[in-house]
Full PDB file with SEQRES, HELIX, SHEET, SSBOND, CRYST1, ORIGX, SCALE, CONECT and MASTER records, all heavy atoms in Angstrom:
SEQRES   1 A   42  PHE LEU VAL PHE VAL ALA THR PHE ALA GLY ILE ARG SER          
SEQRES   2 A   42  VAL GLY PRO GLY LEU VAL ARG THR VAL ALA ILE PHE GLY          
SEQRES   3 A   42  ALA GLY GLY LEU ALA ILE ALA ARG GLU VAL TYR TRP HIS          
SEQRES   4 A   42  SER ALA GLN                                                  
HELIX    1 AA1 LEU A    2  ARG A   12  1                                  11    
HELIX    2 AA2 PRO A   16  ILE A   24  1                                   9    
HELIX    3 AA3 GLY A   29  ILE A   32  1                                   4    
HELIX    4 AA4 ALA A   33  TRP A   38  3                                   6    
HELIX    5 AA5 HIS A   39  ALA A   41  1                                   3    
CRYST1    1.000    1.000    1.000  90.00  90.00  90.00 P 1           1          
ORIGX1      1.000000  0.000000  0.000000        0.00000                         
ORIGX2      0.000000  1.000000  0.000000        0.00000                         
ORIGX3      0.000000  0.000000  1.000000        0.00000                         
SCALE1      1.000000  0.000000  0.000000        0.00000                         
SCALE2      0.000000  1.000000  0.000000        0.00000                         
SCALE3      0.000000  0.000000  1.000000        0.00000                         
ATOM      1  N   PHE A   1       0.818  -1.203   0.007  1.00  0.00           N  
ATOM      2  CA  PHE A   1       0.004  -0.020   0.024  1.00  0.00           C  
ATOM      3  C   PHE A   1       0.847   1.260  -0.006  1.00  0.00           C  
ATOM      4  O   PHE A   1       0.452   2.277  -0.610  1.00  0.00           O  
ATOM      5  CB  PHE A   1      -0.917   0.013   1.191  1.00  0.00           C  
ATOM      6  CG  PHE A   1      -2.013  -1.044   1.103  1.00  0.00           C  
ATOM      7  CD1 PHE A   1      -1.947  -2.245   1.807  1.00  0.00           C  
ATOM      8  CD2 PHE A   1      -3.108  -0.866   0.302  1.00  0.00           C  
ATOM      9  CE1 PHE A   1      -2.906  -3.221   1.702  1.00  0.00           C  
ATOM     10  CE2 PHE A   1      -4.114  -1.809   0.190  1.00  0.00           C  
ATOM     11  CZ  PHE A   1      -4.000  -2.988   0.896  1.00  0.00           C  
ATOM     12  N   LEU A   2       2.042   1.218   0.628  1.00  0.00           N  
ATOM     13  CA  LEU A   2       2.908   2.419   0.609  1.00  0.00           C  
ATOM     14  C   LEU A   2       3.306   2.676  -0.857  1.00  0.00           C  
ATOM     15  O   LEU A   2       3.303   3.815  -1.310  1.00  0.00           O  
ATOM     16  CB  LEU A   2       4.140   2.136   1.491  1.00  0.00           C  
ATOM     17  CG  LEU A   2       3.914   2.110   2.984  1.00  0.00           C  
ATOM     18  CD1 LEU A   2       5.153   1.726   3.735  1.00  0.00           C  
ATOM     19  CD2 LEU A   2       3.421   3.448   3.495  1.00  0.00           C  
ATOM     20  N   VAL A   3       3.773   1.639  -1.541  1.00  0.00           N  
ATOM     21  CA  VAL A   3       4.258   1.826  -2.905  1.00  0.00           C  
ATOM     22  C   VAL A   3       3.063   2.157  -3.828  1.00  0.00           C  
ATOM     23  O   VAL A   3       3.183   2.997  -4.739  1.00  0.00           O  
ATOM     24  CB  VAL A   3       4.960   0.588  -3.422  1.00  0.00           C  
ATOM     25  CG1 VAL A   3       5.416   0.749  -4.869  1.00  0.00           C  
ATOM     26  CG2 VAL A   3       6.178   0.323  -2.523  1.00  0.00           C  
ATOM     27  N   PHE A   4       1.881   1.515  -3.646  1.00  0.00           N  
ATOM     28  CA  PHE A   4       0.717   1.796  -4.456  1.00  0.00           C  
ATOM     29  C   PHE A   4       0.267   3.214  -4.362  1.00  0.00           C  
ATOM     30  O   PHE A   4       0.102   3.885  -5.384  1.00  0.00           O  
ATOM     31  CB  PHE A   4      -0.433   0.853  -4.015  1.00  0.00           C  
ATOM     32  CG  PHE A   4      -1.699   1.059  -4.786  1.00  0.00           C  
ATOM     33  CD1 PHE A   4      -1.919   0.291  -5.931  1.00  0.00           C  
ATOM     34  CD2 PHE A   4      -2.651   1.963  -4.355  1.00  0.00           C  
ATOM     35  CE1 PHE A   4      -3.076   0.491  -6.655  1.00  0.00           C  
ATOM     36  CE2 PHE A   4      -3.836   2.128  -5.063  1.00  0.00           C  
ATOM     37  CZ  PHE A   4      -4.037   1.391  -6.232  1.00  0.00           C  
ATOM     38  N   VAL A   5       0.160   3.757  -3.134  1.00  0.00           N  
ATOM     39  CA  VAL A   5      -0.290   5.142  -2.994  1.00  0.00           C  
ATOM     40  C   VAL A   5       0.744   6.106  -3.535  1.00  0.00           C  
ATOM     41  O   VAL A   5       0.369   7.148  -4.172  1.00  0.00           O  
ATOM     42  CB  VAL A   5      -0.595   5.400  -1.499  1.00  0.00           C  
ATOM     43  CG1 VAL A   5      -0.859   6.902  -1.238  1.00  0.00           C  
ATOM     44  CG2 VAL A   5      -1.739   4.550  -1.008  1.00  0.00           C  
ATOM     45  N   ALA A   6       2.039   5.842  -3.320  1.00  0.00           N  
ATOM     46  CA  ALA A   6       3.042   6.744  -3.821  1.00  0.00           C  
ATOM     47  C   ALA A   6       3.046   6.780  -5.347  1.00  0.00           C  
ATOM     48  O   ALA A   6       3.173   7.824  -5.997  1.00  0.00           O  
ATOM     49  CB  ALA A   6       4.409   6.365  -3.309  1.00  0.00           C  
ATOM     50  N   THR A   7       3.018   5.591  -5.972  1.00  0.00           N  
ATOM     51  CA  THR A   7       2.948   5.521  -7.449  1.00  0.00           C  
ATOM     52  C   THR A   7       1.764   6.177  -7.990  1.00  0.00           C  
ATOM     53  O   THR A   7       1.770   6.910  -8.997  1.00  0.00           O  
ATOM     54  CB  THR A   7       3.032   4.051  -7.882  1.00  0.00           C  
ATOM     55  OG1 THR A   7       4.136   3.428  -7.276  1.00  0.00           O  
ATOM     56  CG2 THR A   7       3.114   3.947  -9.402  1.00  0.00           C  
ATOM     57  N   PHE A   8       0.607   5.980  -7.344  1.00  0.00           N  
ATOM     58  CA  PHE A   8      -0.642   6.614  -7.763  1.00  0.00           C  
ATOM     59  C   PHE A   8      -0.491   8.141  -7.715  1.00  0.00           C  
ATOM     60  O   PHE A   8      -0.911   8.853  -8.623  1.00  0.00           O  
ATOM     61  CB  PHE A   8      -1.779   6.134  -6.841  1.00  0.00           C  
ATOM     62  CG  PHE A   8      -3.083   6.121  -7.574  1.00  0.00           C  
ATOM     63  CD1 PHE A   8      -3.594   4.967  -8.125  1.00  0.00           C  
ATOM     64  CD2 PHE A   8      -3.851   7.279  -7.645  1.00  0.00           C  
ATOM     65  CE1 PHE A   8      -4.796   4.943  -8.801  1.00  0.00           C  
ATOM     66  CE2 PHE A   8      -5.085   7.239  -8.271  1.00  0.00           C  
ATOM     67  CZ  PHE A   8      -5.579   6.113  -8.827  1.00  0.00           C  
ATOM     68  N   ALA A   9       0.120   8.647  -6.659  1.00  0.00           N  
ATOM     69  CA  ALA A   9       0.297  10.105  -6.526  1.00  0.00           C  
ATOM     70  C   ALA A   9       1.241  10.627  -7.613  1.00  0.00           C  
ATOM     71  O   ALA A   9       1.044  11.706  -8.176  1.00  0.00           O  
ATOM     72  CB  ALA A   9       0.836  10.428  -5.129  1.00  0.00           C  
ATOM     73  N   GLY A  10       2.288   9.812  -7.926  1.00  0.00           N  
ATOM     74  CA  GLY A  10       3.209  10.249  -9.008  1.00  0.00           C  
ATOM     75  C   GLY A  10       2.492  10.323 -10.343  1.00  0.00           C  
ATOM     76  O   GLY A  10       2.717  11.236 -11.138  1.00  0.00           O  
ATOM     77  N   ILE A  11       1.602   9.352 -10.612  1.00  0.00           N  
ATOM     78  CA  ILE A  11       0.847   9.365 -11.878  1.00  0.00           C  
ATOM     79  C   ILE A  11      -0.121  10.571 -11.885  1.00  0.00           C  
ATOM     80  O   ILE A  11      -0.226  11.242 -12.911  1.00  0.00           O  
ATOM     81  CB  ILE A  11       0.090   8.066 -12.045  1.00  0.00           C  
ATOM     82  CG1 ILE A  11       1.092   6.867 -12.282  1.00  0.00           C  
ATOM     83  CG2 ILE A  11      -0.866   8.118 -13.251  1.00  0.00           C  
ATOM     84  CD1 ILE A  11       0.467   5.528 -12.267  1.00  0.00           C  
ATOM     85  N   ARG A  12      -0.731  10.815 -10.779  1.00  0.00           N  
ATOM     86  CA  ARG A  12      -1.721  11.933 -10.718  1.00  0.00           C  
ATOM     87  C   ARG A  12      -1.018  13.318 -10.827  1.00  0.00           C  
ATOM     88  O   ARG A  12      -1.680  14.294 -11.146  1.00  0.00           O  
ATOM     89  CB  ARG A  12      -2.524  11.824  -9.430  1.00  0.00           C  
ATOM     90  CG  ARG A  12      -3.412  10.591  -9.312  1.00  0.00           C  
ATOM     91  CD  ARG A  12      -4.581  10.717 -10.314  1.00  0.00           C  
ATOM     92  NE  ARG A  12      -5.432  11.791 -10.060  1.00  0.00           N  
ATOM     93  CZ  ARG A  12      -6.504  11.800  -9.256  1.00  0.00           C  
ATOM     94  NH1 ARG A  12      -6.782  10.623  -8.618  1.00  0.00           N  
ATOM     95  NH2 ARG A  12      -7.240  12.831  -9.036  1.00  0.00           N  
ATOM     96  N   SER A  13       0.309  13.299 -10.534  1.00  0.00           N  
ATOM     97  CA  SER A  13       0.983  14.587 -10.620  1.00  0.00           C  
ATOM     98  C   SER A  13       1.281  15.021 -12.060  1.00  0.00           C  
ATOM     99  O   SER A  13       1.689  16.161 -12.287  1.00  0.00           O  
ATOM    100  CB  SER A  13       2.321  14.481  -9.875  1.00  0.00           C  
ATOM    101  OG  SER A  13       3.224  13.638 -10.500  1.00  0.00           O  
ATOM    102  N   VAL A  14       1.101  14.142 -13.029  1.00  0.00           N  
ATOM    103  CA  VAL A  14       1.350  14.483 -14.414  1.00  0.00           C  
ATOM    104  C   VAL A  14       0.211  15.354 -14.927  1.00  0.00           C  
ATOM    105  O   VAL A  14      -0.956  14.943 -14.864  1.00  0.00           O  
ATOM    106  CB  VAL A  14       1.517  13.177 -15.242  1.00  0.00           C  
ATOM    107  CG1 VAL A  14       1.715  13.572 -16.700  1.00  0.00           C  
ATOM    108  CG2 VAL A  14       2.667  12.337 -14.754  1.00  0.00           C  
ATOM    109  N   GLY A  15       0.537  16.524 -15.466  1.00  0.00           N  
ATOM    110  CA  GLY A  15      -0.474  17.356 -16.017  1.00  0.00           C  
ATOM    111  C   GLY A  15      -1.030  16.852 -17.328  1.00  0.00           C  
ATOM    112  O   GLY A  15      -0.264  16.287 -18.160  1.00  0.00           O  
ATOM    113  N   PRO A  16      -2.311  17.107 -17.623  1.00  0.00           N  
ATOM    114  CA  PRO A  16      -2.861  16.632 -18.916  1.00  0.00           C  
ATOM    115  C   PRO A  16      -2.226  17.336 -20.100  1.00  0.00           C  
ATOM    116  O   PRO A  16      -2.205  16.811 -21.196  1.00  0.00           O  
ATOM    117  CB  PRO A  16      -4.311  16.962 -18.798  1.00  0.00           C  
ATOM    118  CG  PRO A  16      -4.389  18.003 -17.693  1.00  0.00           C  
ATOM    119  CD  PRO A  16      -3.284  17.734 -16.742  1.00  0.00           C  
ATOM    120  N   GLY A  17      -1.783  18.586 -19.891  1.00  0.00           N  
ATOM    121  CA  GLY A  17      -1.116  19.304 -20.991  1.00  0.00           C  
ATOM    122  C   GLY A  17       0.161  18.587 -21.514  1.00  0.00           C  
ATOM    123  O   GLY A  17       0.420  18.530 -22.731  1.00  0.00           O  
ATOM    124  N   LEU A  18       0.922  18.061 -20.570  1.00  0.00           N  
ATOM    125  CA  LEU A  18       2.116  17.315 -21.002  1.00  0.00           C  
ATOM    126  C   LEU A  18       1.758  16.047 -21.738  1.00  0.00           C  
ATOM    127  O   LEU A  18       2.414  15.734 -22.789  1.00  0.00           O  
ATOM    128  CB  LEU A  18       2.920  16.914 -19.714  1.00  0.00           C  
ATOM    129  CG  LEU A  18       4.199  16.120 -19.955  1.00  0.00           C  
ATOM    130  CD1 LEU A  18       5.171  16.879 -20.866  1.00  0.00           C  
ATOM    131  CD2 LEU A  18       4.890  15.766 -18.596  1.00  0.00           C  
ATOM    132  N   VAL A  19       0.773  15.365 -21.331  1.00  0.00           N  
ATOM    133  CA  VAL A  19       0.343  14.133 -22.027  1.00  0.00           C  
ATOM    134  C   VAL A  19      -0.127  14.514 -23.433  1.00  0.00           C  
ATOM    135  O   VAL A  19       0.200  13.830 -24.417  1.00  0.00           O  
ATOM    136  CB  VAL A  19      -0.764  13.426 -21.226  1.00  0.00           C  
ATOM    137  CG1 VAL A  19      -1.303  12.203 -22.014  1.00  0.00           C  
ATOM    138  CG2 VAL A  19      -0.217  12.999 -19.875  1.00  0.00           C  
ATOM    139  N   ARG A  20      -0.922  15.584 -23.570  1.00  0.00           N  
ATOM    140  CA  ARG A  20      -1.412  15.952 -24.907  1.00  0.00           C  
ATOM    141  C   ARG A  20      -0.249  16.349 -25.817  1.00  0.00           C  
ATOM    142  O   ARG A  20      -0.271  16.059 -27.004  1.00  0.00           O  
ATOM    143  CB  ARG A  20      -2.423  17.105 -24.773  1.00  0.00           C  
ATOM    144  CG  ARG A  20      -3.771  16.666 -24.200  1.00  0.00           C  
ATOM    145  CD  ARG A  20      -4.812  17.754 -24.461  1.00  0.00           C  
ATOM    146  NE  ARG A  20      -4.503  18.959 -23.664  1.00  0.00           N  
ATOM    147  CZ  ARG A  20      -4.980  19.227 -22.449  1.00  0.00           C  
ATOM    148  NH1 ARG A  20      -5.830  18.345 -21.903  1.00  0.00           N  
ATOM    149  NH2 ARG A  20      -4.669  20.315 -21.861  1.00  0.00           N  
ATOM    150  N   THR A  21       0.718  17.049 -25.204  1.00  0.00           N  
ATOM    151  CA  THR A  21       1.857  17.537 -26.017  1.00  0.00           C  
ATOM    152  C   THR A  21       2.650  16.328 -26.551  1.00  0.00           C  
ATOM    153  O   THR A  21       3.019  16.300 -27.757  1.00  0.00           O  
ATOM    154  CB  THR A  21       2.784  18.376 -25.202  1.00  0.00           C  
ATOM    155  OG1 THR A  21       2.053  19.519 -24.693  1.00  0.00           O  
ATOM    156  CG2 THR A  21       3.981  18.878 -26.017  1.00  0.00           C  
ATOM    157  N   VAL A  22       2.893  15.315 -25.711  1.00  0.00           N  
ATOM    158  CA  VAL A  22       3.599  14.113 -26.137  1.00  0.00           C  
ATOM    159  C   VAL A  22       2.831  13.355 -27.188  1.00  0.00           C  
ATOM    160  O   VAL A  22       3.387  12.824 -28.140  1.00  0.00           O  
ATOM    161  CB  VAL A  22       3.961  13.246 -24.949  1.00  0.00           C  
ATOM    162  CG1 VAL A  22       4.597  11.932 -25.369  1.00  0.00           C  
ATOM    163  CG2 VAL A  22       4.848  13.984 -23.995  1.00  0.00           C  
ATOM    164  N   ALA A  23       1.494  13.297 -27.020  1.00  0.00           N  
ATOM    165  CA  ALA A  23       0.637  12.623 -27.955  1.00  0.00           C  
ATOM    166  C   ALA A  23       0.671  13.320 -29.307  1.00  0.00           C  
ATOM    167  O   ALA A  23       0.576  12.663 -30.383  1.00  0.00           O  
ATOM    168  CB  ALA A  23      -0.795  12.503 -27.441  1.00  0.00           C  
ATOM    169  N   ILE A  24       0.747  14.635 -29.304  1.00  0.00           N  
ATOM    170  CA  ILE A  24       0.780  15.352 -30.596  1.00  0.00           C  
ATOM    171  C   ILE A  24       2.006  14.973 -31.382  1.00  0.00           C  
ATOM    172  O   ILE A  24       1.966  14.897 -32.615  1.00  0.00           O  
ATOM    173  CB  ILE A  24       0.762  16.866 -30.290  1.00  0.00           C  
ATOM    174  CG1 ILE A  24      -0.638  17.279 -29.811  1.00  0.00           C  
ATOM    175  CG2 ILE A  24       1.093  17.686 -31.578  1.00  0.00           C  
ATOM    176  CD1 ILE A  24      -0.741  18.750 -29.379  1.00  0.00           C  
ATOM    177  N   PHE A  25       3.150  14.723 -30.710  1.00  0.00           N  
ATOM    178  CA  PHE A  25       4.372  14.314 -31.412  1.00  0.00           C  
ATOM    179  C   PHE A  25       4.362  12.858 -31.836  1.00  0.00           C  
ATOM    180  O   PHE A  25       5.382  12.356 -32.243  1.00  0.00           O  
ATOM    181  CB  PHE A  25       5.578  14.637 -30.540  1.00  0.00           C  
ATOM    182  CG  PHE A  25       5.928  16.079 -30.474  1.00  0.00           C  
ATOM    183  CD1 PHE A  25       5.439  16.905 -29.470  1.00  0.00           C  
ATOM    184  CD2 PHE A  25       6.756  16.623 -31.456  1.00  0.00           C  
ATOM    185  CE1 PHE A  25       5.799  18.205 -29.387  1.00  0.00           C  
ATOM    186  CE2 PHE A  25       7.048  17.983 -31.422  1.00  0.00           C  
ATOM    187  CZ  PHE A  25       6.624  18.787 -30.411  1.00  0.00           C  
ATOM    188  N   GLY A  26       3.264  12.170 -31.632  1.00  0.00           N  
ATOM    189  CA  GLY A  26       3.122  10.823 -32.184  1.00  0.00           C  
ATOM    190  C   GLY A  26       3.315   9.724 -31.164  1.00  0.00           C  
ATOM    191  O   GLY A  26       3.348   8.532 -31.584  1.00  0.00           O  
ATOM    192  N   ALA A  27       3.440   9.995 -29.922  1.00  0.00           N  
ATOM    193  CA  ALA A  27       3.621   8.933 -28.890  1.00  0.00           C  
ATOM    194  C   ALA A  27       2.311   8.182 -28.635  1.00  0.00           C  
ATOM    195  O   ALA A  27       1.238   8.818 -28.538  1.00  0.00           O  
ATOM    196  CB  ALA A  27       4.122   9.561 -27.556  1.00  0.00           C  
ATOM    197  N   GLY A  28       2.406   6.852 -28.599  1.00  0.00           N  
ATOM    198  CA  GLY A  28       1.247   6.039 -28.352  1.00  0.00           C  
ATOM    199  C   GLY A  28       1.021   5.857 -26.818  1.00  0.00           C  
ATOM    200  O   GLY A  28       1.743   6.434 -25.991  1.00  0.00           O  
ATOM    201  N   GLY A  29       0.036   5.061 -26.477  1.00  0.00           N  
ATOM    202  CA  GLY A  29      -0.309   4.841 -25.125  1.00  0.00           C  
ATOM    203  C   GLY A  29       0.837   4.238 -24.325  1.00  0.00           C  
ATOM    204  O   GLY A  29       1.132   4.625 -23.145  1.00  0.00           O  
ATOM    205  N   LEU A  30       1.526   3.220 -24.876  1.00  0.00           N  
ATOM    206  CA  LEU A  30       2.617   2.558 -24.175  1.00  0.00           C  
ATOM    207  C   LEU A  30       3.787   3.541 -23.965  1.00  0.00           C  
ATOM    208  O   LEU A  30       4.390   3.547 -22.912  1.00  0.00           O  
ATOM    209  CB  LEU A  30       3.055   1.335 -24.954  1.00  0.00           C  
ATOM    210  CG  LEU A  30       4.173   0.459 -24.290  1.00  0.00           C  
ATOM    211  CD1 LEU A  30       3.696  -0.022 -22.957  1.00  0.00           C  
ATOM    212  CD2 LEU A  30       4.537  -0.663 -25.233  1.00  0.00           C  
ATOM    213  N   ALA A  31       4.092   4.329 -25.014  1.00  0.00           N  
ATOM    214  CA  ALA A  31       5.178   5.261 -24.889  1.00  0.00           C  
ATOM    215  C   ALA A  31       4.879   6.361 -23.884  1.00  0.00           C  
ATOM    216  O   ALA A  31       5.779   6.788 -23.129  1.00  0.00           O  
ATOM    217  CB  ALA A  31       5.472   5.903 -26.256  1.00  0.00           C  
ATOM    218  N   ILE A  32       3.633   6.796 -23.833  1.00  0.00           N  
ATOM    219  CA  ILE A  32       3.229   7.831 -22.845  1.00  0.00           C  
ATOM    220  C   ILE A  32       3.369   7.208 -21.415  1.00  0.00           C  
ATOM    221  O   ILE A  32       3.831   7.874 -20.502  1.00  0.00           O  
ATOM    222  CB  ILE A  32       1.789   8.305 -23.141  1.00  0.00           C  
ATOM    223  CG1 ILE A  32       1.759   9.119 -24.427  1.00  0.00           C  
ATOM    224  CG2 ILE A  32       1.269   9.161 -21.940  1.00  0.00           C  
ATOM    225  CD1 ILE A  32       0.413   9.563 -24.825  1.00  0.00           C  
ATOM    226  N   ALA A  33       2.903   5.989 -21.283  1.00  0.00           N  
ATOM    227  CA  ALA A  33       2.997   5.369 -19.907  1.00  0.00           C  
ATOM    228  C   ALA A  33       4.447   5.259 -19.484  1.00  0.00           C  
ATOM    229  O   ALA A  33       4.755   5.415 -18.299  1.00  0.00           O  
ATOM    230  CB  ALA A  33       2.313   4.022 -19.918  1.00  0.00           C  
ATOM    231  N   ARG A  34       5.341   4.854 -20.408  1.00  0.00           N  
ATOM    232  CA  ARG A  34       6.730   4.639 -20.072  1.00  0.00           C  
ATOM    233  C   ARG A  34       7.475   5.932 -19.932  1.00  0.00           C  
ATOM    234  O   ARG A  34       8.211   6.122 -18.939  1.00  0.00           O  
ATOM    235  CB  ARG A  34       7.363   3.752 -21.133  1.00  0.00           C  
ATOM    236  CG  ARG A  34       8.868   3.391 -20.809  1.00  0.00           C  
ATOM    237  CD  ARG A  34       9.440   2.557 -21.934  1.00  0.00           C  
ATOM    238  NE  ARG A  34       9.557   3.273 -23.221  1.00  0.00           N  
ATOM    239  CZ  ARG A  34       8.826   3.029 -24.289  1.00  0.00           C  
ATOM    240  NH1 ARG A  34       7.937   2.057 -24.214  1.00  0.00           N  
ATOM    241  NH2 ARG A  34       8.961   3.727 -25.367  1.00  0.00           N  
ATOM    242  N   GLU A  35       7.334   6.858 -20.860  1.00  0.00           N  
ATOM    243  CA  GLU A  35       8.181   8.013 -20.904  1.00  0.00           C  
ATOM    244  C   GLU A  35       7.648   9.181 -20.062  1.00  0.00           C  
ATOM    245  O   GLU A  35       8.459   9.980 -19.583  1.00  0.00           O  
ATOM    246  CB  GLU A  35       8.389   8.507 -22.366  1.00  0.00           C  
ATOM    247  CG  GLU A  35       8.976   7.470 -23.263  1.00  0.00           C  
ATOM    248  CD  GLU A  35      10.423   7.109 -22.812  1.00  0.00           C  
ATOM    249  OE1 GLU A  35      11.088   7.915 -22.152  1.00  0.00           O  
ATOM    250  OE2 GLU A  35      10.881   6.010 -23.197  1.00  0.00           O  
ATOM    251  N   VAL A  36       6.330   9.252 -19.851  1.00  0.00           N  
ATOM    252  CA  VAL A  36       5.743  10.332 -19.104  1.00  0.00           C  
ATOM    253  C   VAL A  36       5.365   9.906 -17.696  1.00  0.00           C  
ATOM    254  O   VAL A  36       5.891  10.366 -16.726  1.00  0.00           O  
ATOM    255  CB  VAL A  36       4.548  10.951 -19.870  1.00  0.00           C  
ATOM    256  CG1 VAL A  36       3.953  12.063 -19.076  1.00  0.00           C  
ATOM    257  CG2 VAL A  36       4.971  11.410 -21.254  1.00  0.00           C  
ATOM    258  N   TYR A  37       4.430   9.001 -17.655  1.00  0.00           N  
ATOM    259  CA  TYR A  37       3.887   8.578 -16.344  1.00  0.00           C  
ATOM    260  C   TYR A  37       4.950   7.936 -15.495  1.00  0.00           C  
ATOM    261  O   TYR A  37       5.117   8.208 -14.303  1.00  0.00           O  
ATOM    262  CB  TYR A  37       2.668   7.670 -16.554  1.00  0.00           C  
ATOM    263  CG  TYR A  37       1.443   8.417 -16.965  1.00  0.00           C  
ATOM    264  CD1 TYR A  37       0.887   8.157 -18.261  1.00  0.00           C  
ATOM    265  CD2 TYR A  37       0.778   9.313 -16.152  1.00  0.00           C  
ATOM    266  CE1 TYR A  37      -0.252   8.837 -18.649  1.00  0.00           C  
ATOM    267  CE2 TYR A  37      -0.368   9.974 -16.564  1.00  0.00           C  
ATOM    268  CZ  TYR A  37      -0.878   9.737 -17.782  1.00  0.00           C  
ATOM    269  OH  TYR A  37      -2.002  10.391 -18.172  1.00  0.00           O  
ATOM    270  N   TRP A  38       5.734   6.917 -16.070  1.00  0.00           N  
ATOM    271  CA  TRP A  38       6.639   6.237 -15.269  1.00  0.00           C  
ATOM    272  C   TRP A  38       7.785   7.117 -14.781  1.00  0.00           C  
ATOM    273  O   TRP A  38       8.176   7.075 -13.641  1.00  0.00           O  
ATOM    274  CB  TRP A  38       7.214   5.008 -16.076  1.00  0.00           C  
ATOM    275  CG  TRP A  38       8.373   4.368 -15.404  1.00  0.00           C  
ATOM    276  CD1 TRP A  38       9.634   4.212 -15.964  1.00  0.00           C  
ATOM    277  CD2 TRP A  38       8.440   3.759 -14.137  1.00  0.00           C  
ATOM    278  NE1 TRP A  38      10.446   3.539 -15.073  1.00  0.00           N  
ATOM    279  CE2 TRP A  38       9.759   3.254 -13.942  1.00  0.00           C  
ATOM    280  CE3 TRP A  38       7.530   3.622 -13.082  1.00  0.00           C  
ATOM    281  CZ2 TRP A  38      10.121   2.619 -12.766  1.00  0.00           C  
ATOM    282  CZ3 TRP A  38       7.928   2.964 -11.951  1.00  0.00           C  
ATOM    283  CH2 TRP A  38       9.217   2.446 -11.784  1.00  0.00           C  
ATOM    284  N   HIS A  39       8.317   7.948 -15.693  1.00  0.00           N  
ATOM    285  CA  HIS A  39       9.427   8.818 -15.299  1.00  0.00           C  
ATOM    286  C   HIS A  39       8.956   9.863 -14.262  1.00  0.00           C  
ATOM    287  O   HIS A  39       9.732  10.269 -13.401  1.00  0.00           O  
ATOM    288  CB  HIS A  39       9.989   9.522 -16.530  1.00  0.00           C  
ATOM    289  CG  HIS A  39      10.898   8.610 -17.352  1.00  0.00           C  
ATOM    290  ND1 HIS A  39      12.253   8.604 -17.221  1.00  0.00           N  
ATOM    291  CD2 HIS A  39      10.563   7.706 -18.338  1.00  0.00           C  
ATOM    292  CE1 HIS A  39      12.713   7.659 -18.063  1.00  0.00           C  
ATOM    293  NE2 HIS A  39      11.744   7.121 -18.729  1.00  0.00           N  
ATOM    294  N   SER A  40       7.731  10.328 -14.395  1.00  0.00           N  
ATOM    295  CA  SER A  40       7.229  11.271 -13.377  1.00  0.00           C  
ATOM    296  C   SER A  40       6.968  10.601 -12.037  1.00  0.00           C  
ATOM    297  O   SER A  40       7.083  11.243 -11.004  1.00  0.00           O  
ATOM    298  CB  SER A  40       5.863  11.886 -13.895  1.00  0.00           C  
ATOM    299  OG  SER A  40       6.086  12.590 -15.114  1.00  0.00           O  
ATOM    300  N   ALA A  41       6.597   9.326 -12.086  1.00  0.00           N  
ATOM    301  CA  ALA A  41       6.287   8.628 -10.827  1.00  0.00           C  
ATOM    302  C   ALA A  41       7.522   8.087 -10.138  1.00  0.00           C  
ATOM    303  O   ALA A  41       7.499   7.712  -8.937  1.00  0.00           O  
ATOM    304  CB  ALA A  41       5.342   7.482 -11.076  1.00  0.00           C  
ATOM    305  N   GLN A  42       8.663   7.987 -10.843  1.00  0.00           N  
ATOM    306  CA  GLN A  42       9.841   7.381 -10.225  1.00  0.00           C  
ATOM    307  C   GLN A  42      10.275   7.986  -8.950  1.00  0.00           C  
ATOM    308  O   GLN A  42      10.586   7.253  -7.953  1.00  0.00           O  
ATOM    309  CB  GLN A  42      10.993   7.335 -11.248  1.00  0.00           C  
ATOM    310  CG  GLN A  42      10.959   6.174 -12.222  1.00  0.00           C  
ATOM    311  CD  GLN A  42      12.298   5.989 -12.903  1.00  0.00           C  
ATOM    312  OE1 GLN A  42      13.319   5.781 -12.289  1.00  0.00           O  
ATOM    313  NE2 GLN A  42      12.216   6.008 -14.272  1.00  0.00           N  
TER     314      GLN A  42                                                      
MASTER        0    0    0    5    0    0    0    6  313    1    0    4          
END                                                                             
């Protein structure tokens, strides 16, 4: 639960504008999860 809540908070800290910007440059769902969400949650 410690890791779950912390990872969830890291994912929620990602702004939607950043996700949209990365998607505009052609990133798919897997790339967004790896490059945006995962790096922000680390």
